[in-house]
C-alpha cells in the first residue's frame, strides 16, 4: 500500500509540461498513468509511476532540473486540503509537526519529518524505496515544494542555512543557486532544508485555533478511512480499463505494481474480492448505460469485458432478477409514467 500517492501530486503538471514543450498526455501515457488523473485530485496513483513520469519528463524536455523547477511551479497546492491545517497551526513548528503527522494521507511512499539538532533544524523528505530510477527528480521536487511552504509560512524571514541532497548534482551548481538561492551539499545523509531552530517558534498570523481543531479532527477521520480506500481505487481502475476489453486481476495488480497474491490479501482484509468489485462495477455501468444510452446490448457486453452477449445477460439476470431487455423496458415504462403524472399534475393546476 505504501506505493500510493494522492493524484494532487500531479498538481500543475499539464501547464508546466506544456511550458517545457512536452505533450502532457503523451508523457502520462509513457509513464502508464491515466490522463484523467490530472483532473482527479482525490484519486490515488502509483508513486513509482509518478517518479518515472518525472524522469521521462526530464529526459524529453532536456531539463535535468525538471523536478526542481516543477516543484517551484507547484508550490503548496500539491498538499491539497492538508495545507489548510498547516496554515492554521499556532506556530511554524506546530505547522511542520502537522505536516509530518499527516503527510502519509498525501503520500504513503514517503515521509516528512523535523529533526532538531542543537540550534539547527532539518526539514527532511525520505522515501522508503531508495532504488527507484529517477528518485533524484522526486527528491528535488519535494525540496522545492518545501521551500515554497517555508516562504508561505515565514515570508522574508525564510533564510535557510543550507540544503542537503542524497544524490549527486544533476546539473551545474549555478542552476541550483538560481532556483534556491543556496548551493546544495550533495551526497548527504538527508534530503533536507537546514535552518535556525528559532524559526520554529514564529507565530502564524493567520492561525485560527478553533478551525485548526476542526481540521485536525477531519484529518484524523481521513486517517481512519485510509485502510478502506483500496476497494474504491480498484473500482476506479476497473471503470478506466473495462471499455478496452476484458480486465483481469493480473492486469490490475500489475498496474498497481503489486503481486496478484498481495492484492487479493489486501482486498480480503477489507472484506471483499476482485471478482466482487468487478461484478459491482459492471452492474453499476450496465444499469447506467441501459438507462441513459442507446448503446446496443452487444456493444454494452463488449464495453463491460464480456466475450459474448449471453454471458452478460446471465450475469445481469443474476444481479437484478431481470434480463437486460426486461430491465430496460421496466425502467423506460417507469420514467414514462413519471413524466405522464407530472404532465397531468401541471394540467390540473
Protein backbone atom coordinates (compact mmCIF):
# COMPACT_ATOMS: atom_id res chain seq x y z
CA UNK A 1 0.00 0.00 0.00
CA UNK A 2 2.94 2.38 0.56
CA UNK A 3 3.42 2.91 -3.18
CA UNK A 4 0.36 5.17 -3.32
CA UNK A 5 0.21 8.95 -3.53
CA UNK A 6 -2.69 11.37 -3.97
CA UNK A 7 -3.28 12.48 -7.53
CA UNK A 8 -2.80 16.06 -6.24
CA UNK A 9 0.89 15.12 -6.56
CA UNK A 10 0.33 15.94 -10.26
CA UNK A 11 -0.94 19.44 -9.47
CA UNK A 12 0.05 21.86 -12.24
CA UNK A 13 1.69 19.19 -14.39
CA UNK A 14 -0.34 19.94 -17.52
CA UNK A 15 0.62 23.60 -17.81
CA UNK A 16 4.19 23.05 -16.65
CA UNK A 17 4.78 20.23 -19.15
CA UNK A 18 3.42 22.45 -21.93
CA UNK A 19 5.79 25.24 -20.88
CA UNK A 20 8.65 22.77 -21.36
CA UNK A 21 7.49 21.84 -24.87
CA UNK A 22 6.06 18.48 -23.77
CA UNK A 23 2.73 16.84 -24.57
CA UNK A 24 1.27 16.07 -21.12
CA UNK A 25 -0.98 13.25 -22.38
CA UNK A 26 1.94 11.55 -24.13
CA UNK A 27 4.13 11.82 -21.02
CA UNK A 28 1.42 10.33 -18.81
CA UNK A 29 0.82 7.50 -21.26
CA UNK A 30 4.54 6.71 -21.40
CA UNK A 31 4.60 6.55 -17.60
CA UNK A 32 1.47 4.32 -17.65
CA UNK A 33 -0.62 6.90 -15.79
CA UNK A 34 -4.24 7.61 -16.88
CA UNK A 35 -4.68 11.02 -18.49
CA UNK A 36 -7.75 11.80 -16.37
CA UNK A 37 -5.59 11.78 -13.22
CA UNK A 38 -4.84 15.45 -13.93
CA UNK A 39 -8.49 16.24 -13.13
CA UNK A 40 -8.89 13.84 -10.22
CA UNK A 41 -7.11 15.33 -7.24
CA UNK A 42 -8.51 12.94 -4.64
CA UNK A 43 -7.76 9.73 -6.53
CA UNK A 44 -4.63 7.68 -5.91
CA UNK A 45 -1.70 7.00 -8.20
CA UNK A 46 1.41 4.87 -8.03
CA UNK A 47 4.33 6.83 -6.58
CA UNK A 48 6.74 4.75 -8.66
CA UNK A 49 4.92 5.76 -11.82
CA UNK A 50 4.94 9.38 -10.68
CA UNK A 51 8.73 9.21 -10.21
CA UNK A 52 9.01 7.60 -13.64
CA UNK A 53 6.93 10.44 -15.10
CA UNK A 54 9.36 12.99 -13.65
CA UNK A 55 12.32 11.06 -15.05
CA UNK A 56 10.77 10.78 -18.51
CA UNK A 57 9.80 14.47 -18.47
CA UNK A 58 13.34 15.49 -17.51
CA UNK A 59 14.82 13.47 -20.37
CA UNK A 60 12.28 14.58 -23.00
CA UNK A 61 12.47 18.27 -22.00
CA UNK A 62 16.28 18.29 -21.81
CA UNK A 63 15.93 19.89 -18.38
CA UNK A 64 17.93 17.87 -15.83
CA UNK A 65 16.35 20.01 -13.09
CA UNK A 66 12.80 19.32 -14.26
CA UNK A 67 11.69 18.06 -10.82
CA UNK A 68 13.22 21.05 -9.06
CA UNK A 69 11.54 23.55 -11.39
CA UNK A 70 8.23 21.67 -11.35
CA UNK A 71 8.21 21.77 -7.54
CA UNK A 72 8.68 25.54 -7.55
CA UNK A 73 5.81 25.78 -10.05
CA UNK A 74 3.56 23.57 -7.91
CA UNK A 75 4.18 25.27 -4.60
CA UNK A 76 1.87 24.39 -1.73
CA UNK A 77 -1.08 23.47 -4.00
CA UNK A 78 0.33 19.95 -4.05
CA UNK A 79 -0.78 19.38 -0.44
CA UNK A 80 -4.50 19.71 -1.17
CA UNK A 81 -6.67 20.02 1.99
CA UNK A 82 -3.64 19.42 4.23
CA UNK A 83 -2.43 22.98 3.61
CA UNK A 84 -5.44 24.44 5.46
CA UNK A 85 -4.44 22.53 8.60
CA UNK A 86 -0.83 23.68 8.28
CA UNK A 87 -1.71 27.36 7.79
CA UNK A 88 -3.96 27.41 10.85
CA UNK A 89 -1.36 25.98 13.23
CA UNK A 90 -0.20 28.22 16.09
CA UNK A 91 3.49 28.37 15.14
CA UNK A 92 5.80 27.32 12.33
CA UNK A 93 6.93 24.39 14.48
CA UNK A 94 3.34 23.26 15.00
CA UNK A 95 2.69 23.57 11.27
CA UNK A 96 5.68 21.38 10.39
CA UNK A 97 4.69 18.83 13.01
CA UNK A 98 1.21 18.70 11.47
CA UNK A 99 2.81 18.17 8.07
CA UNK A 100 4.90 15.29 9.40
CA UNK A 101 1.99 13.70 11.28
CA UNK A 102 -0.43 13.73 8.35
CA UNK A 103 1.84 13.63 5.29
CA UNK A 104 1.04 9.93 4.83
CA UNK A 105 -2.51 10.98 3.89
CA UNK A 106 -0.98 12.79 0.93
CA UNK A 107 1.70 10.24 0.09
CA UNK A 108 2.27 6.78 1.52
CA UNK A 109 5.61 6.21 -0.21
CA UNK A 110 7.49 8.97 1.62
CA UNK A 111 7.65 10.78 4.92
CA UNK A 112 8.35 14.30 6.08
CA UNK A 113 9.99 14.73 9.45
CA UNK A 114 11.51 17.52 11.54
CA UNK A 115 14.82 16.81 13.26
CA UNK A 116 16.20 19.29 15.78
CA UNK A 117 19.99 19.17 16.07
CA UNK A 118 21.14 21.73 18.64
CA UNK A 119 20.43 25.19 17.26
CA UNK A 120 19.55 23.83 13.84
CA UNK A 121 16.55 22.11 12.29
CA UNK A 122 16.42 19.65 9.42
CA UNK A 123 13.16 19.50 7.45
CA UNK A 124 13.62 16.09 5.85
CA UNK A 125 11.98 14.23 2.98
CA UNK A 126 12.57 10.49 2.90
CA UNK A 127 11.26 7.71 0.65
CA UNK A 128 11.02 4.05 1.59
CA UNK A 129 12.46 2.76 -1.67
CA UNK A 130 15.87 4.34 -2.27
CA UNK A 131 16.47 2.47 -5.52
CA UNK A 132 13.80 3.98 -7.76
CA UNK A 133 15.11 5.19 -11.10
CA UNK A 134 14.53 8.93 -11.25
CA UNK A 135 14.26 9.33 -7.47
CA UNK A 136 16.58 12.41 -7.50
CA UNK A 137 13.93 14.21 -9.60
CA UNK A 138 11.29 13.47 -6.94
CA UNK A 139 13.63 14.49 -4.11
CA UNK A 140 14.40 17.85 -5.73
CA UNK A 141 10.71 18.42 -6.41
CA UNK A 142 9.99 17.80 -2.72
CA UNK A 143 12.76 20.16 -1.63
CA UNK A 144 11.36 22.88 -3.94
CA UNK A 145 7.86 22.37 -2.53
CA UNK A 146 9.38 22.58 0.94
CA UNK A 147 10.97 25.91 0.07
CA UNK A 148 7.64 27.27 -1.17
CA UNK A 149 5.96 26.09 2.03
CA UNK A 150 8.55 27.80 4.24
CA UNK A 151 8.23 31.02 2.24
CA UNK A 152 4.45 30.83 2.72
CA UNK A 153 4.82 30.38 6.47
CA UNK A 154 7.73 32.81 7.06
CA UNK A 155 7.74 35.26 4.16
CA UNK A 156 11.00 37.22 4.05
CA UNK A 157 12.16 35.64 7.30
CA UNK A 158 12.89 32.40 5.44
CA UNK A 159 16.68 32.36 5.28
CA UNK A 160 17.85 28.74 5.06
CA UNK A 161 21.34 27.89 6.25
CA UNK A 162 21.72 25.10 3.74
CA UNK A 163 20.10 22.39 1.67
CA UNK A 164 21.15 18.74 1.63
CA UNK A 165 20.61 16.18 -1.14
CA UNK A 166 21.35 12.48 -1.03
CA UNK A 167 22.26 12.27 -4.72
CA UNK A 168 24.97 13.80 -6.89
CA UNK A 169 24.36 17.06 -8.75
CA UNK A 170 22.08 16.69 -11.80
CA UNK A 171 23.20 19.98 -13.39
CA UNK A 172 25.58 22.89 -12.82
CA UNK A 173 25.70 24.47 -9.37
CA UNK A 174 24.56 27.77 -10.91
CA UNK A 175 21.22 26.15 -11.81
CA UNK A 176 20.64 25.19 -8.17
CA UNK A 177 21.74 28.60 -6.84
CA UNK A 178 19.42 30.44 -9.22
CA UNK A 179 16.47 28.33 -8.13
CA UNK A 180 17.06 28.04 -4.38
CA UNK A 181 19.45 30.96 -3.58
CA UNK A 182 21.75 28.45 -1.92
CA UNK A 183 24.23 25.80 -3.11
CA UNK A 184 23.24 22.26 -2.08
CA UNK A 185 25.52 19.84 -0.27
CA UNK A 186 25.34 16.69 -2.39
CA UNK A 187 25.75 13.02 -1.43
CA UNK A 188 24.41 13.84 2.04
CA UNK A 189 22.67 11.54 4.52
CA UNK A 190 19.42 13.51 4.05
CA UNK A 191 17.22 15.30 1.57
CA UNK A 192 16.55 18.32 3.76
CA UNK A 193 16.46 22.04 4.38
CA UNK A 194 18.70 23.24 7.21
CA UNK A 195 17.60 26.33 9.14
CA UNK A 196 17.74 28.14 12.50
CA UNK A 197 15.72 26.37 15.21
CA UNK A 198 14.44 29.75 16.49
CA UNK A 199 12.20 29.96 13.42
CA UNK A 200 10.07 27.11 14.81
CA UNK A 201 8.69 29.48 17.46
CA UNK A 202 7.49 32.02 14.89
CA UNK A 203 3.74 32.58 15.37
CA UNK A 204 1.49 32.32 12.32
CA UNK A 205 -0.69 35.41 11.95
CA UNK A 206 -3.45 33.59 10.06
CA UNK A 207 -3.82 30.88 12.71
CA UNK A 208 -7.38 30.04 13.79
CA UNK A 209 -7.28 27.69 16.77
CA UNK A 210 -10.89 26.53 16.50
CA UNK A 211 -10.62 25.93 12.76
CA UNK A 212 -7.36 24.07 13.35
CA UNK A 213 -9.10 21.74 15.82
CA UNK A 214 -11.88 21.03 13.31
CA UNK A 215 -9.39 20.38 10.51
CA UNK A 216 -7.32 18.13 12.75
CA UNK A 217 -10.42 16.09 13.61
CA UNK A 218 -11.16 15.83 9.88
CA UNK A 219 -7.62 14.61 9.18
CA UNK A 220 -7.93 12.03 11.95
CA UNK A 221 -11.14 10.77 10.33
CA UNK A 222 -9.39 10.56 6.95
CA UNK A 223 -6.57 8.65 8.60
CA UNK A 224 -9.04 6.04 9.82
CA UNK A 225 -10.52 5.77 6.32
CA UNK A 226 -7.23 5.13 4.52
CA UNK A 227 -7.39 1.39 5.00
CA UNK A 228 -10.81 1.36 3.32
CA UNK A 229 -9.70 3.14 0.16
CA UNK A 230 -8.18 0.24 -1.77
CA UNK A 231 -11.50 -1.26 -2.97
CA UNK A 232 -12.60 2.19 -4.19
CA UNK A 233 -9.31 2.59 -6.07
CA UNK A 234 -9.62 -0.85 -7.69
CA UNK A 235 -13.15 0.03 -8.85
CA UNK A 236 -11.83 3.28 -10.30
CA UNK A 237 -9.24 1.31 -12.28
CA UNK A 238 -11.91 -1.14 -13.43
CA UNK A 239 -14.05 1.72 -14.78
CA UNK A 240 -11.00 3.00 -16.67
CA UNK A 241 -9.95 -0.38 -18.10
CA UNK A 242 -13.28 -2.09 -18.85
CA UNK A 243 -14.11 -0.13 -22.05
CA UNK A 244 -10.87 -1.52 -23.54
CA UNK A 245 -11.94 -5.15 -23.08
CA UNK A 246 -11.70 -7.93 -20.54
CA UNK A 247 -9.96 -6.98 -17.28
CA UNK A 248 -8.15 -9.47 -15.06
CA UNK A 249 -6.79 -9.25 -11.54
CA UNK A 250 -3.32 -9.76 -13.03
CA UNK A 251 -3.72 -6.59 -15.11
CA UNK A 252 -4.90 -4.54 -12.13
CA UNK A 253 -2.20 -5.92 -9.82
CA UNK A 254 0.45 -5.23 -12.46
CA UNK A 255 -0.78 -1.65 -12.89
CA UNK A 256 -0.61 -1.14 -9.12
CA UNK A 257 2.85 -2.75 -9.02
CA UNK A 258 1.63 -5.41 -6.60
CA UNK A 259 1.69 -9.17 -6.85
CA UNK A 260 -1.69 -10.78 -7.52
CA UNK A 261 -1.49 -12.55 -4.16
CA UNK A 262 -0.79 -9.27 -2.31
CA UNK A 263 -3.73 -7.53 -3.97
CA UNK A 264 -6.01 -10.45 -3.12
CA UNK A 265 -4.84 -10.30 0.50
CA UNK A 266 -5.41 -6.54 0.78
CA UNK A 267 -8.92 -6.89 -0.63
CA UNK A 268 -9.71 -9.83 1.65
CA UNK A 269 -8.66 -7.71 4.65
CA UNK A 270 -11.31 -5.21 3.54
CA UNK A 271 -13.96 -7.93 3.32
CA UNK A 272 -14.18 -8.05 -0.46
CA UNK A 273 -12.57 -9.65 -3.51
CA UNK A 274 -11.57 -8.72 -7.03
CA UNK A 275 -14.49 -10.65 -8.53
CA UNK A 276 -16.96 -8.93 -6.20
CA UNK A 277 -15.63 -5.48 -7.14
CA UNK A 278 -15.68 -6.42 -10.83
CA UNK A 279 -19.33 -7.51 -10.56
CA UNK A 280 -20.31 -4.34 -8.68
CA UNK A 281 -18.56 -2.13 -11.24
CA UNK A 282 -20.09 -3.97 -14.19
CA UNK A 283 -23.57 -3.80 -12.66
CA UNK A 284 -23.25 -0.08 -11.99
CA UNK A 285 -22.02 0.64 -15.53
CA UNK A 286 -24.60 -1.68 -17.10
CA UNK A 287 -27.60 -0.05 -15.42
CA UNK A 288 -26.26 3.41 -16.21
CA UNK A 289 -25.80 2.60 -19.90
CA UNK A 290 -29.18 0.88 -20.15
CA UNK A 291 -30.89 3.86 -18.52
CA UNK A 292 -29.14 6.69 -20.33
CA UNK A 293 -27.73 5.32 -23.59
CA UNK A 294 -28.82 3.94 -26.94
CA UNK A 295 -25.87 1.52 -26.88
CA UNK A 296 -26.89 -1.92 -28.14
CA UNK A 297 -26.74 -4.88 -25.77
CA UNK A 298 -23.96 -6.45 -27.84
CA UNK A 299 -21.91 -3.26 -27.64
CA UNK A 300 -22.62 -2.98 -23.92
CA UNK A 301 -21.43 -6.54 -23.33
CA UNK A 302 -18.19 -5.70 -25.10
CA UNK A 303 -17.76 -2.47 -23.12
CA UNK A 304 -18.06 -4.45 -19.90
CA UNK A 305 -15.47 -7.01 -20.95
CA UNK A 306 -17.76 -9.93 -21.83
CA UNK A 307 -16.77 -12.06 -24.81
CA UNK A 308 -20.40 -12.99 -25.51
CA UNK A 309 -23.79 -11.32 -25.07
CA UNK A 310 -25.15 -14.46 -23.42
CA UNK A 311 -22.54 -14.25 -20.64
CA UNK A 312 -23.51 -10.62 -19.95
CA UNK A 313 -27.23 -11.50 -19.97
CA UNK A 314 -26.71 -14.30 -17.44
CA UNK A 315 -24.70 -12.01 -15.16
CA UNK A 316 -27.30 -9.24 -15.40
CA UNK A 317 -30.09 -11.73 -14.59
CA UNK A 318 -28.11 -12.78 -11.52
CA UNK A 319 -27.69 -9.15 -10.37
CA UNK A 320 -31.24 -7.89 -10.90
CA UNK A 321 -33.52 -10.89 -11.45
CA UNK A 322 -34.35 -9.49 -14.90
CA UNK A 323 -32.84 -9.78 -18.36
CA UNK A 324 -31.22 -6.58 -19.70
CA UNK A 325 -34.16 -6.03 -22.09
CA UNK A 326 -36.73 -6.54 -19.32
CA UNK A 327 -34.85 -4.17 -17.00
CA UNK A 328 -34.55 -1.50 -19.70
CA UNK A 329 -38.23 -1.78 -20.61
CA UNK A 330 -39.31 -1.64 -16.96
CA UNK A 331 -37.23 1.48 -16.31
CA UNK A 332 -38.40 3.08 -19.57
CA UNK A 333 -42.02 2.49 -18.53
CA UNK A 334 -41.37 3.93 -15.06
CA UNK A 335 -39.80 7.11 -16.48
CA UNK A 336 -42.66 7.46 -18.98
CA UNK A 337 -45.29 7.07 -16.25
CA UNK A 338 -43.48 9.63 -14.11
CA UNK A 339 -43.49 12.15 -16.95
CA UNK A 340 -47.19 11.49 -17.64
CA UNK A 341 -48.05 12.04 -13.98
CA UNK A 342 -46.05 15.26 -13.93
CA UNK A 343 -47.77 16.50 -17.10
CA UNK A 344 -51.20 15.59 -15.73
CA UNK A 345 -50.45 17.41 -12.49
CA UNK A 346 -49.43 20.59 -14.34
CA UNK A 347 -52.62 20.46 -16.47
CA UNK A 348 -54.82 20.22 -13.37
CA UNK A 349 -53.04 23.22 -11.90
